């Protein structure tokens, strides 16, 4: 007889999903920083790599807080988003639109992460995982701040792409 899965099981599964995603993002950020032409964008990617290392550590703390071992579970969504970013780097390597494409790709990653962390925080609250709520909220705030920075950078990268194309 199959056992019915509860919200706690779903919380743990999604936690494994985002843990895997963060580790994949850690691998992609140095490549994105190397590809970026704008010094501001390059610096943003390098800064976010350091933050992402902290996100992985914080997720390990969330696993500990709920009494589970930190483990990842393949996240097809992040693999697809990162693959799109890789295609932008390849297809626009010599294009003035490269940085604009990198910003768009990075924001797709940020938005994915923001939805996951927001959901996990909400579930942790419902499940009474107070320490997890605090940890997830800290990461959600950093992801939101990174997204806002990327939006700011997009103004200059988009303008540069248009100006160079004209």
C-alpha atoms as a PDB file:
ATOM      1  CA  UNK A   1       0.000   0.000   0.000  1.00  0.00           C
ATOM      2  CA  UNK A   2       1.453   3.370  -1.035  1.00  0.00           C
ATOM      3  CA  UNK A   3       1.963   5.998   1.606  1.00  0.00           C
ATOM      4  CA  UNK A   4       0.434   9.412   1.118  1.00  0.00           C
ATOM      5  CA  UNK A   5       3.008  12.164   0.827  1.00  0.00           C
ATOM      6  CA  UNK A   6       2.498  15.280   2.881  1.00  0.00           C
ATOM      7  CA  UNK A   7       3.637  18.909   2.612  1.00  0.00           C
ATOM      8  CA  UNK A   8       6.727  18.053   4.643  1.00  0.00           C
ATOM      9  CA  UNK A   9       7.738  15.555   1.937  1.00  0.00           C
ATOM     10  CA  UNK A  10       7.135  18.135  -0.773  1.00  0.00           C
ATOM     11  CA  UNK A  11       9.143  20.719   1.189  1.00  0.00           C
ATOM     12  CA  UNK A  12      12.064  18.282   1.428  1.00  0.00           C
ATOM     13  CA  UNK A  13      11.855  17.408  -2.293  1.00  0.00           C
ATOM     14  CA  UNK A  14      11.842  21.065  -3.347  1.00  0.00           C
ATOM     15  CA  UNK A  15      14.694  21.781  -0.955  1.00  0.00           C
ATOM     16  CA  UNK A  16      16.726  19.079  -2.726  1.00  0.00           C
ATOM     17  CA  UNK A  17      15.726  20.620  -6.064  1.00  0.00           C
ATOM     18  CA  UNK A  18      16.955  24.109  -5.162  1.00  0.00           C
ATOM     19  CA  UNK A  19      20.116  22.700  -3.565  1.00  0.00           C
ATOM     20  CA  UNK A  20      20.950  21.011  -6.873  1.00  0.00           C
ATOM     21  CA  UNK A  21      20.038  24.195  -8.757  1.00  0.00           C
ATOM     22  CA  UNK A  22      22.361  26.359  -6.649  1.00  0.00           C
ATOM     23  CA  UNK A  23      25.248  23.958  -7.267  1.00  0.00           C
ATOM     24  CA  UNK A  24      24.624  24.123 -11.034  1.00  0.00           C
ATOM     25  CA  UNK A  25      24.457  27.916 -10.878  1.00  0.00           C
ATOM     26  CA  UNK A  26      27.828  27.919  -9.109  1.00  0.00           C
ATOM     27  CA  UNK A  27      29.303  26.154 -12.134  1.00  0.00           C
ATOM     28  CA  UNK A  28      27.694  28.569 -14.618  1.00  0.00           C
ATOM     29  CA  UNK A  29      28.509  31.921 -12.985  1.00  0.00           C
ATOM     30  CA  UNK A  30      32.279  31.901 -13.710  1.00  0.00           C
ATOM     31  CA  UNK A  31      31.532  31.181 -17.389  1.00  0.00           C
ATOM     32  CA  UNK A  32      29.033  34.035 -17.501  1.00  0.00           C
ATOM     33  CA  UNK A  33      31.505  36.394 -15.800  1.00  0.00           C
ATOM     34  CA  UNK A  34      34.200  35.426 -18.304  1.00  0.00           C
ATOM     35  CA  UNK A  35      31.844  36.000 -21.246  1.00  0.00           C
ATOM     36  CA  UNK A  36      30.550  39.391 -20.032  1.00  0.00           C
ATOM     37  CA  UNK A  37      32.008  42.440 -21.768  1.00  0.00           C
ATOM     38  CA  UNK A  38      30.717  45.028 -19.285  1.00  0.00           C
ATOM     39  CA  UNK A  39      32.959  45.367 -16.207  1.00  0.00           C
ATOM     40  CA  UNK A  40      29.831  46.069 -14.126  1.00  0.00           C
ATOM     41  CA  UNK A  41      28.144  42.872 -15.304  1.00  0.00           C
ATOM     42  CA  UNK A  42      31.319  40.831 -14.860  1.00  0.00           C
ATOM     43  CA  UNK A  43      31.592  42.120 -11.263  1.00  0.00           C
ATOM     44  CA  UNK A  44      27.913  41.341 -10.603  1.00  0.00           C
ATOM     45  CA  UNK A  45      28.419  37.731 -11.695  1.00  0.00           C
ATOM     46  CA  UNK A  46      31.555  37.390  -9.555  1.00  0.00           C
ATOM     47  CA  UNK A  47      29.779  38.873  -6.535  1.00  0.00           C
ATOM     48  CA  UNK A  48      26.802  36.607  -7.042  1.00  0.00           C
ATOM     49  CA  UNK A  49      29.072  33.558  -7.198  1.00  0.00           C
ATOM     50  CA  UNK A  50      30.277  34.346  -3.675  1.00  0.00           C
ATOM     51  CA  UNK A  51      26.668  34.871  -2.555  1.00  0.00           C
ATOM     52  CA  UNK A  52      25.639  31.588  -4.182  1.00  0.00           C
ATOM     53  CA  UNK A  53      28.321  29.757  -2.206  1.00  0.00           C
ATOM     54  CA  UNK A  54      26.617  31.209   0.869  1.00  0.00           C
ATOM     55  CA  UNK A  55      23.232  30.054  -0.426  1.00  0.00           C
ATOM     56  CA  UNK A  56      24.513  26.475  -0.663  1.00  0.00           C
ATOM     57  CA  UNK A  57      25.822  26.702   2.910  1.00  0.00           C
ATOM     58  CA  UNK A  58      22.549  28.205   4.114  1.00  0.00           C
ATOM     59  CA  UNK A  59      20.606  25.411   2.412  1.00  0.00           C
ATOM     60  CA  UNK A  60      22.805  22.887   4.242  1.00  0.00           C
ATOM     61  CA  UNK A  61      21.742  24.620   7.449  1.00  0.00           C
ATOM     62  CA  UNK A  62      18.078  24.294   6.418  1.00  0.00           C
ATOM     63  CA  UNK A  63      18.568  20.569   5.837  1.00  0.00           C
ATOM     64  CA  UNK A  64      20.169  20.319   9.280  1.00  0.00           C
ATOM     65  CA  UNK A  65      17.295  22.281  10.837  1.00  0.00           C
ATOM     66  CA  UNK A  66      14.764  19.761   9.529  1.00  0.00           C
ATOM     67  CA  UNK A  67      16.926  16.764  10.422  1.00  0.00           C
ATOM     68  CA  UNK A  68      17.826  15.738   6.867  1.00  0.00           C
ATOM     69  CA  UNK A  69      21.140  15.287   5.087  1.00  0.00           C
ATOM     70  CA  UNK A  70      21.923  17.897   2.405  1.00  0.00           C
ATOM     71  CA  UNK A  71      21.347  16.219  -0.958  1.00  0.00           C
ATOM     72  CA  UNK A  72      20.414  17.437  -4.360  1.00  0.00           C
ATOM     73  CA  UNK A  73      17.826  16.134  -6.778  1.00  0.00           C
ATOM     74  CA  UNK A  74      18.171  16.825 -10.504  1.00  0.00           C
ATOM     75  CA  UNK A  75      16.340  20.007 -11.395  1.00  0.00           C
ATOM     76  CA  UNK A  76      15.399  19.926 -15.062  1.00  0.00           C
ATOM     77  CA  UNK A  77      14.099  23.493 -14.904  1.00  0.00           C
ATOM     78  CA  UNK A  78      17.443  25.029 -13.932  1.00  0.00           C
ATOM     79  CA  UNK A  79      19.280  22.828 -16.419  1.00  0.00           C
ATOM     80  CA  UNK A  80      17.044  24.208 -19.176  1.00  0.00           C
ATOM     81  CA  UNK A  81      17.475  27.815 -18.066  1.00  0.00           C
ATOM     82  CA  UNK A  82      21.251  27.412 -17.856  1.00  0.00           C
ATOM     83  CA  UNK A  83      21.309  25.724 -21.264  1.00  0.00           C
ATOM     84  CA  UNK A  84      19.550  28.758 -22.722  1.00  0.00           C
ATOM     85  CA  UNK A  85      22.209  30.970 -21.137  1.00  0.00           C
ATOM     86  CA  UNK A  86      24.935  28.819 -22.649  1.00  0.00           C
ATOM     87  CA  UNK A  87      23.302  29.189 -26.075  1.00  0.00           C
ATOM     88  CA  UNK A  88      23.266  32.983 -25.655  1.00  0.00           C
ATOM     89  CA  UNK A  89      26.993  32.930 -24.861  1.00  0.00           C
ATOM     90  CA  UNK A  90      27.685  30.817 -27.954  1.00  0.00           C
ATOM     91  CA  UNK A  91      25.288  32.491 -30.396  1.00  0.00           C
ATOM     92  CA  UNK A  92      26.096  36.086 -29.381  1.00  0.00           C
ATOM     93  CA  UNK A  93      29.768  35.764 -28.423  1.00  0.00           C
ATOM     94  CA  UNK A  94      30.848  38.481 -30.872  1.00  0.00           C
ATOM     95  CA  UNK A  95      27.645  40.494 -30.731  1.00  0.00           C
ATOM     96  CA  UNK A  96      27.052  43.843 -29.042  1.00  0.00           C
ATOM     97  CA  UNK A  97      23.897  42.190 -27.670  1.00  0.00           C
ATOM     98  CA  UNK A  98      25.868  39.593 -25.655  1.00  0.00           C
ATOM     99  CA  UNK A  99      25.643  41.405 -22.321  1.00  0.00           C
ATOM    100  CA  UNK A 100      21.939  42.108 -22.794  1.00  0.00           C
ATOM    101  CA  UNK A 101      21.430  38.379 -23.401  1.00  0.00           C
ATOM    102  CA  UNK A 102      23.522  37.482 -20.357  1.00  0.00           C
ATOM    103  CA  UNK A 103      21.426  39.789 -18.177  1.00  0.00           C
ATOM    104  CA  UNK A 104      18.220  38.211 -19.524  1.00  0.00           C
ATOM    105  CA  UNK A 105      19.583  34.724 -18.872  1.00  0.00           C
ATOM    106  CA  UNK A 106      20.713  35.637 -15.371  1.00  0.00           C
ATOM    107  CA  UNK A 107      17.324  37.147 -14.574  1.00  0.00           C
ATOM    108  CA  UNK A 108      15.613  33.945 -15.687  1.00  0.00           C
ATOM    109  CA  UNK A 109      17.757  32.135 -13.117  1.00  0.00           C
ATOM    110  CA  UNK A 110      16.990  34.726 -10.427  1.00  0.00           C
ATOM    111  CA  UNK A 111      13.255  34.570 -11.044  1.00  0.00           C
ATOM    112  CA  UNK A 112      13.304  30.788 -10.824  1.00  0.00           C
ATOM    113  CA  UNK A 113      15.199  30.980  -7.544  1.00  0.00           C
ATOM    114  CA  UNK A 114      12.909  33.671  -6.155  1.00  0.00           C
ATOM    115  CA  UNK A 115       9.836  31.531  -6.805  1.00  0.00           C
ATOM    116  CA  UNK A 116      11.429  28.495  -5.189  1.00  0.00           C
ATOM    117  CA  UNK A 117      12.680  30.350  -2.112  1.00  0.00           C
ATOM    118  CA  UNK A 118       9.362  32.161  -1.699  1.00  0.00           C
ATOM    119  CA  UNK A 119       7.443  28.891  -1.827  1.00  0.00           C
ATOM    120  CA  UNK A 120       9.876  27.112   0.492  1.00  0.00           C
ATOM    121  CA  UNK A 121       9.694  29.968   2.995  1.00  0.00           C
ATOM    122  CA  UNK A 122       5.888  29.834   2.959  1.00  0.00           C
ATOM    123  CA  UNK A 123       5.846  26.069   3.441  1.00  0.00           C
ATOM    124  CA  UNK A 124       8.481  26.227   6.188  1.00  0.00           C
ATOM    125  CA  UNK A 125       6.290  28.734   8.005  1.00  0.00           C
ATOM    126  CA  UNK A 126       3.242  26.448   7.684  1.00  0.00           C
ATOM    127  CA  UNK A 127       5.263  23.452   8.848  1.00  0.00           C
ATOM    128  CA  UNK A 128       6.649  25.297  11.875  1.00  0.00           C
ATOM    129  CA  UNK A 129      10.277  25.229  10.695  1.00  0.00           C
ATOM    130  CA  UNK A 130      11.152  28.630  12.208  1.00  0.00           C
ATOM    131  CA  UNK A 131      14.904  28.393  11.645  1.00  0.00           C
ATOM    132  CA  UNK A 132      14.332  27.374   8.018  1.00  0.00           C
ATOM    133  CA  UNK A 133      12.023  30.390   7.521  1.00  0.00           C
ATOM    134  CA  UNK A 134      14.776  32.751   8.676  1.00  0.00           C
ATOM    135  CA  UNK A 135      17.435  31.087   6.500  1.00  0.00           C
ATOM    136  CA  UNK A 136      15.239  30.929   3.398  1.00  0.00           C
ATOM    137  CA  UNK A 137      14.140  34.537   3.867  1.00  0.00           C
ATOM    138  CA  UNK A 138      17.775  35.698   3.948  1.00  0.00           C
ATOM    139  CA  UNK A 139      18.481  33.949   0.648  1.00  0.00           C
ATOM    140  CA  UNK A 140      15.255  35.228  -0.914  1.00  0.00           C
ATOM    141  CA  UNK A 141      16.286  38.791   0.003  1.00  0.00           C
ATOM    142  CA  UNK A 142      19.700  38.319  -1.646  1.00  0.00           C
ATOM    143  CA  UNK A 143      18.167  36.836  -4.800  1.00  0.00           C
ATOM    144  CA  UNK A 144      15.737  39.761  -5.006  1.00  0.00           C
ATOM    145  CA  UNK A 145      18.584  42.261  -4.562  1.00  0.00           C
ATOM    146  CA  UNK A 146      20.567  40.538  -7.332  1.00  0.00           C
ATOM    147  CA  UNK A 147      17.561  40.692  -9.642  1.00  0.00           C
ATOM    148  CA  UNK A 148      17.197  44.424  -8.935  1.00  0.00           C
ATOM    149  CA  UNK A 149      20.898  44.960  -9.701  1.00  0.00           C
ATOM    150  CA  UNK A 150      20.534  43.061 -12.979  1.00  0.00           C
ATOM    151  CA  UNK A 151      17.557  45.246 -13.902  1.00  0.00           C
ATOM    152  CA  UNK A 152      19.711  48.320 -13.253  1.00  0.00           C
ATOM    153  CA  UNK A 153      22.593  46.906 -15.328  1.00  0.00           C
ATOM    154  CA  UNK A 154      20.191  45.996 -18.142  1.00  0.00           C
ATOM    155  CA  UNK A 155      19.615  49.673 -18.835  1.00  0.00           C
ATOM    156  CA  UNK A 156      23.228  50.175 -19.905  1.00  0.00           C
ATOM    157  CA  UNK A 157      23.659  46.781 -21.594  1.00  0.00           C
ATOM    158  CA  UNK A 158      20.488  47.216 -23.633  1.00  0.00           C
ATOM    159  CA  UNK A 159      21.454  50.755 -24.642  1.00  0.00           C
ATOM    160  CA  UNK A 160      24.927  49.599 -25.632  1.00  0.00           C
ATOM    161  CA  UNK A 161      23.493  46.772 -27.756  1.00  0.00           C
ATOM    162  CA  UNK A 162      21.159  49.178 -29.571  1.00  0.00           C
ATOM    163  CA  UNK A 163      23.837  51.841 -30.074  1.00  0.00           C
ATOM    164  CA  UNK A 164      26.377  49.390 -31.469  1.00  0.00           C
ATOM    165  CA  UNK A 165      23.814  47.809 -33.768  1.00  0.00           C
ATOM    166  CA  UNK A 166      22.792  51.137 -35.288  1.00  0.00           C
END
